[in-house]
Amino acid sequence: MDPVRDDEIDILKRHLRALFPDLNLTKLQKVHTSKVESYQKWIETHCRSRQYTFQIRKCRDENCCLPRRLRDDQMQWLPDPVLDETNEHFKTYNVLKGTETDDTDRPSLKAKPSKEKGLNPGTVGHAGLNVAQEDHEMEHEQEDHEMEHEQEEFGVPTPDAHMCITQNARSVVVCVECRKPRIVYSNHKLTDRQQISVTISTSEYEYTCGSPLLPPTNTMHKKVMCKLNLNCNSHVELAYYGSGLGQLDICSFCGGPEADTNVELKKQYKTVLPLCKHVKAKE
């Protein structure tokens, strides 16, 4: 597709200035637009933002939008993907049309079969939610052996418990769905050539939480990997904050910006994870 022309960008900016006088057109990132009241009110009235869709439709206020040309039944929001009873396929559009759905029924949000260590209240705390020492050890129960054997058949490596520690954090990859950073682990420091190989592979394939980092065709796929027992609901790993590989003021629960740690809780617990204002508001 041809890129947007400069004159088209100027037209869009003129519309934005007219609609949202308090919007800074040089700072259109979400972290800045979320603070513009007029813009947020317009978004709430006209838009629906979900994981797989972003929809815009006219409102009923003729002082705001031109009169609708479609019937009300044709102005319904598109439904979100919903898994059927087998949890292997999605329901068809005809089945979901006209029903109210949400975007929480995604495979990437489903918990992985592997179990994690129990939570230790004296280790990490934040607003009553404590995070386990899962970043330093992984538990493989007997019931997981069948799943692991299945993964080996398809060339999916199982991360070594001793590999997934802060000292072995080499880089960061971002999940395309939840946008949370995930640590890339390796027992040995990567050479320049290996780093280039990993970078090329991760740029060609989209990473989602819990999936293999590299394809089996990459010679590094058993030496460089992310944790497989993660899903999009998993918090940002402790190793991320200890590695210094990325921005530290991101929320440990949603990955949002401008997060901070509770000073009072730091006096009670060894490690306190940062939270953004949106997560704090839900407590």
Protein backbone atom coordinates (compact mmCIF):
# COMPACT_ATOMS: atom_id res chain seq x y z
CA MET A 1 0.00 0.00 0.00
CA ASP A 2 1.13 3.53 -0.71
CA PRO A 3 2.14 5.57 2.35
CA VAL A 4 -0.08 8.39 3.59
CA ARG A 5 0.73 11.66 1.89
CA ASP A 6 1.77 14.77 3.85
CA ASP A 7 -1.34 16.68 2.76
CA GLU A 8 -3.56 13.85 4.05
CA ILE A 9 -1.76 13.98 7.40
CA ASP A 10 -2.34 17.76 7.53
CA ILE A 11 -6.07 17.27 6.90
CA LEU A 12 -6.28 14.73 9.71
CA LYS A 13 -4.45 17.07 12.08
CA ARG A 14 -6.88 19.90 11.24
CA HIS A 15 -9.80 17.65 12.18
CA LEU A 16 -8.07 16.63 15.42
CA ARG A 17 -7.44 20.26 16.34
CA ALA A 18 -11.10 21.09 15.75
CA LEU A 19 -12.40 18.12 17.75
CA PHE A 20 -9.87 18.12 20.58
CA PRO A 21 -8.34 21.58 21.17
CA ASP A 22 -6.49 20.32 24.27
CA LEU A 23 -4.82 17.45 22.39
CA ASN A 24 -1.09 17.83 21.78
CA LEU A 25 -0.59 16.64 18.19
CA THR A 26 3.11 16.03 18.79
CA LYS A 27 2.29 13.49 21.54
CA LEU A 28 -0.26 11.05 20.20
CA GLN A 29 0.93 8.02 22.17
CA LYS A 30 -1.64 6.37 24.44
CA VAL A 31 0.22 7.43 27.57
CA HIS A 32 -0.49 11.08 26.61
CA THR A 33 -3.92 10.81 24.94
CA SER A 34 -5.31 8.94 27.97
CA LYS A 35 -5.05 12.22 29.90
CA VAL A 36 -7.06 14.27 27.38
CA GLU A 37 -10.64 14.33 28.68
CA SER A 38 -12.34 15.42 25.42
CA TYR A 39 -10.55 12.72 23.44
CA GLN A 40 -11.35 9.97 25.97
CA LYS A 41 -15.02 10.99 26.05
CA TRP A 42 -15.19 10.80 22.24
CA ILE A 43 -13.54 7.35 22.27
CA GLU A 44 -16.01 6.04 24.87
CA THR A 45 -18.96 7.30 22.81
CA HIS A 46 -17.90 6.20 19.34
CA CYS A 47 -15.37 3.39 19.65
CA ARG A 48 -14.91 -0.13 20.92
CA SER A 49 -11.31 -1.27 21.32
CA ARG A 50 -10.72 -4.98 21.72
CA GLN A 51 -7.79 -7.32 21.24
CA TYR A 52 -8.57 -8.19 17.63
CA THR A 53 -10.75 -5.28 16.52
CA PHE A 54 -11.02 -1.51 16.75
CA GLN A 55 -14.49 -0.32 15.72
CA ILE A 56 -15.86 3.18 15.17
CA ARG A 57 -19.51 4.09 14.64
CA LYS A 58 -21.66 7.22 14.65
CA CYS A 59 -23.47 8.34 17.79
CA ARG A 60 -27.09 9.48 17.88
CA ASP A 61 -26.24 13.13 18.57
CA GLU A 62 -26.78 15.00 15.30
CA ASN A 63 -24.74 17.91 16.66
CA CYS A 64 -21.79 15.54 16.75
CA CYS A 65 -22.27 13.11 13.84
CA LEU A 66 -24.18 13.11 10.57
CA PRO A 67 -27.47 11.15 10.66
CA ARG A 68 -27.09 7.41 10.37
CA ARG A 69 -27.88 5.85 7.01
CA LEU A 70 -28.03 2.29 8.35
CA ARG A 71 -30.70 0.63 10.47
CA ASP A 72 -30.01 0.07 14.16
CA ASP A 73 -29.63 -3.68 13.63
CA GLN A 74 -26.88 -2.91 11.11
CA MET A 75 -25.03 -0.69 13.59
CA GLN A 76 -24.27 -3.43 16.12
CA TRP A 77 -20.72 -3.98 17.29
CA LEU A 78 -18.93 -6.89 15.68
CA PRO A 79 -18.69 -9.82 18.14
CA ASP A 80 -15.39 -10.95 19.60
CA PRO A 81 -13.98 -14.41 18.84
CA VAL A 82 -15.52 -16.97 21.22
CA LEU A 83 -14.30 -20.55 21.64
CA ASP A 84 -16.85 -23.32 21.25
CA GLU A 85 -17.44 -26.18 23.69
CA THR A 86 -14.38 -28.08 22.47
CA ASN A 87 -12.05 -25.13 23.21
CA GLU A 88 -10.35 -25.96 19.90
CA HIS A 89 -12.42 -23.96 17.40
CA PHE A 90 -14.17 -20.60 17.35
CA LYS A 91 -17.91 -20.16 16.95
CA THR A 92 -19.06 -18.82 13.58
CA TYR A 93 -20.08 -15.23 13.02
CA ASN A 94 -23.70 -16.23 12.33
CA VAL A 95 -23.93 -17.83 15.77
CA LEU A 96 -22.47 -14.81 17.57
CA LYS A 97 -24.14 -12.06 15.54
CA GLY A 98 -26.22 -9.81 17.79
CA THR A 99 -24.90 -11.27 21.05
CA GLU A 100 -22.86 -9.41 23.66
CA THR A 101 -19.31 -10.78 23.88
CA ASP A 102 -15.99 -9.84 25.42
CA ASP A 103 -12.37 -10.42 24.43
CA THR A 104 -11.35 -12.59 27.39
CA ASP A 105 -12.01 -15.91 25.65
CA ARG A 106 -8.61 -16.11 23.99
CA PRO A 107 -6.32 -19.18 23.97
CA SER A 108 -3.41 -17.01 25.09
CA LEU A 109 -5.29 -16.17 28.31
CA LYS A 110 -5.79 -19.81 29.23
CA ALA A 111 -3.55 -21.07 32.03
CA LYS A 112 -0.91 -23.57 30.98
CA PRO A 113 -1.13 -27.12 32.44
CA SER A 114 2.15 -26.84 34.34
CA LYS A 115 1.91 -25.99 38.03
CA GLU A 116 3.73 -23.26 39.86
CA LYS A 117 5.10 -23.12 43.37
CA GLY A 118 2.79 -21.92 46.14
CA LEU A 119 2.88 -18.25 47.02
CA ASN A 120 5.13 -17.10 49.80
CA PRO A 121 3.57 -14.10 51.57
CA GLY A 122 6.92 -13.05 53.02
CA THR A 123 8.68 -12.78 49.69
CA VAL A 124 6.72 -10.40 47.47
CA GLY A 125 3.72 -8.30 48.32
CA HIS A 126 1.54 -5.67 46.71
CA ALA A 127 -1.94 -4.69 47.87
CA GLY A 128 -2.63 -8.15 49.25
CA LEU A 129 -1.36 -9.95 46.14
CA ASN A 130 1.84 -11.91 46.65
CA VAL A 131 4.02 -13.26 43.87
CA ALA A 132 5.80 -16.60 44.21
CA GLN A 133 9.48 -17.39 43.75
CA GLU A 134 8.57 -18.84 40.36
CA ASP A 135 11.28 -16.77 38.70
CA HIS A 136 13.98 -18.83 40.40
CA GLU A 137 12.56 -22.36 40.16
CA MET A 138 10.04 -24.39 38.14
CA GLU A 139 8.20 -27.46 39.31
CA HIS A 140 7.61 -30.37 36.94
CA GLU A 141 5.00 -32.77 38.36
CA GLN A 142 4.35 -36.30 37.13
CA GLU A 143 1.13 -35.23 35.41
CA ASP A 144 3.11 -32.85 33.18
CA HIS A 145 5.37 -35.57 31.73
CA GLU A 146 2.94 -36.51 28.98
CA MET A 147 2.64 -32.89 27.86
CA GLU A 148 6.43 -32.44 27.87
CA HIS A 149 6.87 -35.61 25.81
CA GLU A 150 4.38 -34.20 23.31
CA GLN A 151 6.33 -30.95 23.09
CA GLU A 152 9.60 -32.79 22.41
CA GLU A 153 8.00 -34.62 19.49
CA PHE A 154 7.23 -31.28 17.88
CA GLY A 155 10.66 -29.88 18.68
CA VAL A 156 9.49 -27.58 21.50
CA PRO A 157 12.28 -27.36 24.11
CA THR A 158 11.51 -27.38 27.82
CA PRO A 159 13.18 -24.47 29.65
CA ASP A 160 15.72 -25.57 32.23
CA ALA A 161 14.75 -24.45 35.75
CA HIS A 162 18.29 -23.22 36.30
CA MET A 163 18.25 -21.22 33.06
CA CYS A 164 15.24 -19.01 33.87
CA ILE A 165 16.92 -16.78 36.43
CA THR A 166 17.87 -13.10 36.39
CA GLN A 167 21.56 -13.81 35.74
CA ASN A 168 20.64 -15.52 32.45
CA ALA A 169 18.34 -12.76 31.19
CA ARG A 170 19.74 -11.71 27.80
CA SER A 171 17.04 -9.64 26.12
CA VAL A 172 13.33 -8.86 26.03
CA VAL A 173 10.56 -9.81 23.61
CA VAL A 174 7.04 -8.31 23.68
CA CYS A 175 3.85 -10.39 23.39
CA VAL A 176 1.78 -9.21 20.42
CA GLU A 177 -1.47 -9.71 22.37
CA CYS A 178 -0.99 -8.42 25.92
CA ARG A 179 2.03 -6.20 25.05
CA LYS A 180 3.85 -7.34 28.20
CA PRO A 181 7.63 -7.76 28.02
CA ARG A 182 8.92 -11.32 28.42
CA ILE A 183 12.48 -12.24 29.28
CA VAL A 184 14.68 -14.16 26.81
CA TYR A 185 16.95 -16.54 28.71
CA SER A 186 20.21 -18.23 27.76
CA ASN A 187 22.81 -20.03 29.89
CA HIS A 188 25.64 -18.29 28.06
CA LYS A 189 26.15 -14.76 26.79
CA LEU A 190 25.22 -14.57 23.13
CA THR A 191 27.79 -13.73 20.51
CA ASP A 192 27.07 -10.96 18.02
CA ARG A 193 26.23 -13.53 15.37
CA GLN A 194 23.83 -15.36 17.72
CA GLN A 195 22.15 -12.09 18.71
CA ILE A 196 21.58 -11.25 15.05
CA SER A 197 20.10 -14.71 14.43
CA VAL A 198 17.67 -14.35 17.36
CA THR A 199 16.72 -10.79 16.36
CA ILE A 200 15.96 -11.81 12.77
CA SER A 201 13.82 -14.76 13.89
CA THR A 202 11.82 -12.75 16.44
CA SER A 203 11.19 -10.03 13.84
CA GLU A 204 9.82 -12.56 11.35
CA TYR A 205 7.49 -14.36 13.77
CA GLU A 206 4.96 -12.91 16.22
CA TYR A 207 5.52 -13.97 19.82
CA THR A 208 2.66 -14.70 22.24
CA CYS A 209 2.98 -15.62 25.91
CA GLY A 210 3.72 -19.29 26.47
CA SER A 211 4.73 -20.05 22.89
CA PRO A 212 8.24 -21.08 21.75
CA LEU A 213 10.47 -18.09 21.09
CA LEU A 214 12.26 -19.53 18.04
CA PRO A 215 11.16 -22.00 15.35
CA PRO A 216 12.79 -25.49 15.32
CA THR A 217 14.65 -24.50 12.15
CA ASN A 218 16.73 -22.01 14.14
CA THR A 219 19.85 -23.64 15.58
CA MET A 220 19.43 -21.58 18.77
CA HIS A 221 15.89 -22.76 19.58
CA LYS A 222 17.06 -25.04 22.42
CA LYS A 223 19.63 -22.61 23.80
CA VAL A 224 17.61 -19.36 23.82
CA MET A 225 14.03 -19.37 25.06
CA CYS A 226 11.26 -17.75 27.09
CA LYS A 227 9.24 -19.42 29.83
CA LEU A 228 6.52 -21.71 28.51
CA ASN A 229 4.37 -21.63 31.66
CA LEU A 230 3.26 -18.05 30.97
CA ASN A 231 0.00 -16.70 29.58
CA CYS A 232 -1.28 -13.18 28.97
CA ASN A 233 -2.66 -13.04 32.52
CA SER A 234 0.76 -13.75 34.04
CA HIS A 235 2.47 -10.80 35.71
CA VAL A 236 5.68 -9.31 34.36
CA GLU A 237 8.54 -11.52 35.56
CA LEU A 238 10.67 -10.45 38.50
CA ALA A 239 13.70 -11.07 36.33
CA TYR A 240 12.59 -8.22 34.07
CA TYR A 241 12.92 -5.66 36.87
CA GLY A 242 16.19 -7.13 38.10
CA SER A 243 17.85 -7.43 34.70
CA GLY A 244 17.76 -3.74 33.76
CA LEU A 245 16.95 -4.71 30.16
CA GLY A 246 13.89 -2.50 29.81
CA GLN A 247 11.82 0.32 31.22
CA LEU A 248 11.32 -0.26 34.95
CA ASP A 249 8.27 1.94 35.54
CA ILE A 250 5.80 -0.42 33.83
CA CYS A 251 2.91 -2.07 35.66
CA SER A 252 3.64 -5.64 36.71
CA PHE A 253 0.04 -6.71 36.09
CA CYS A 254 -0.98 -4.99 32.84
CA GLY A 255 2.33 -3.77 31.42
CA GLY A 256 1.05 -0.18 31.33
CA PRO A 257 3.36 2.84 31.68
CA GLU A 258 3.87 5.30 34.55
CA ALA A 259 3.71 2.67 37.29
CA ASP A 260 5.27 3.08 40.71
CA THR A 261 5.90 1.00 43.83
CA ASN A 262 4.20 1.43 47.18
CA VAL A 263 6.76 2.90 49.59
CA GLU A 264 4.95 1.61 52.67
CA LEU A 265 4.81 -1.94 51.35
CA LYS A 266 8.54 -1.86 50.61
CA LYS A 267 9.06 -1.55 54.38
CA GLN A 268 7.19 -4.84 54.92
CA TYR A 269 8.25 -6.97 51.96
CA LYS A 270 11.53 -7.80 50.32
CA THR A 271 10.24 -7.11 46.81
CA VAL A 272 7.32 -4.93 45.76
CA LEU A 273 6.17 -4.83 42.17
CA PRO A 274 5.06 -1.54 40.53
CA LEU A 275 1.42 -0.88 39.69
CA CYS A 276 -0.13 1.69 37.36
CA LYS A 277 -2.98 3.97 38.42
CA HIS A 278 -5.55 1.99 36.41
CA VAL A 279 -4.81 -1.23 38.31
CA LYS A 280 -4.75 0.61 41.64
CA ALA A 281 -8.19 2.05 40.89
CA LYS A 282 -9.59 -1.48 40.59
CA GLU A 283 -8.35 -2.60 44.02
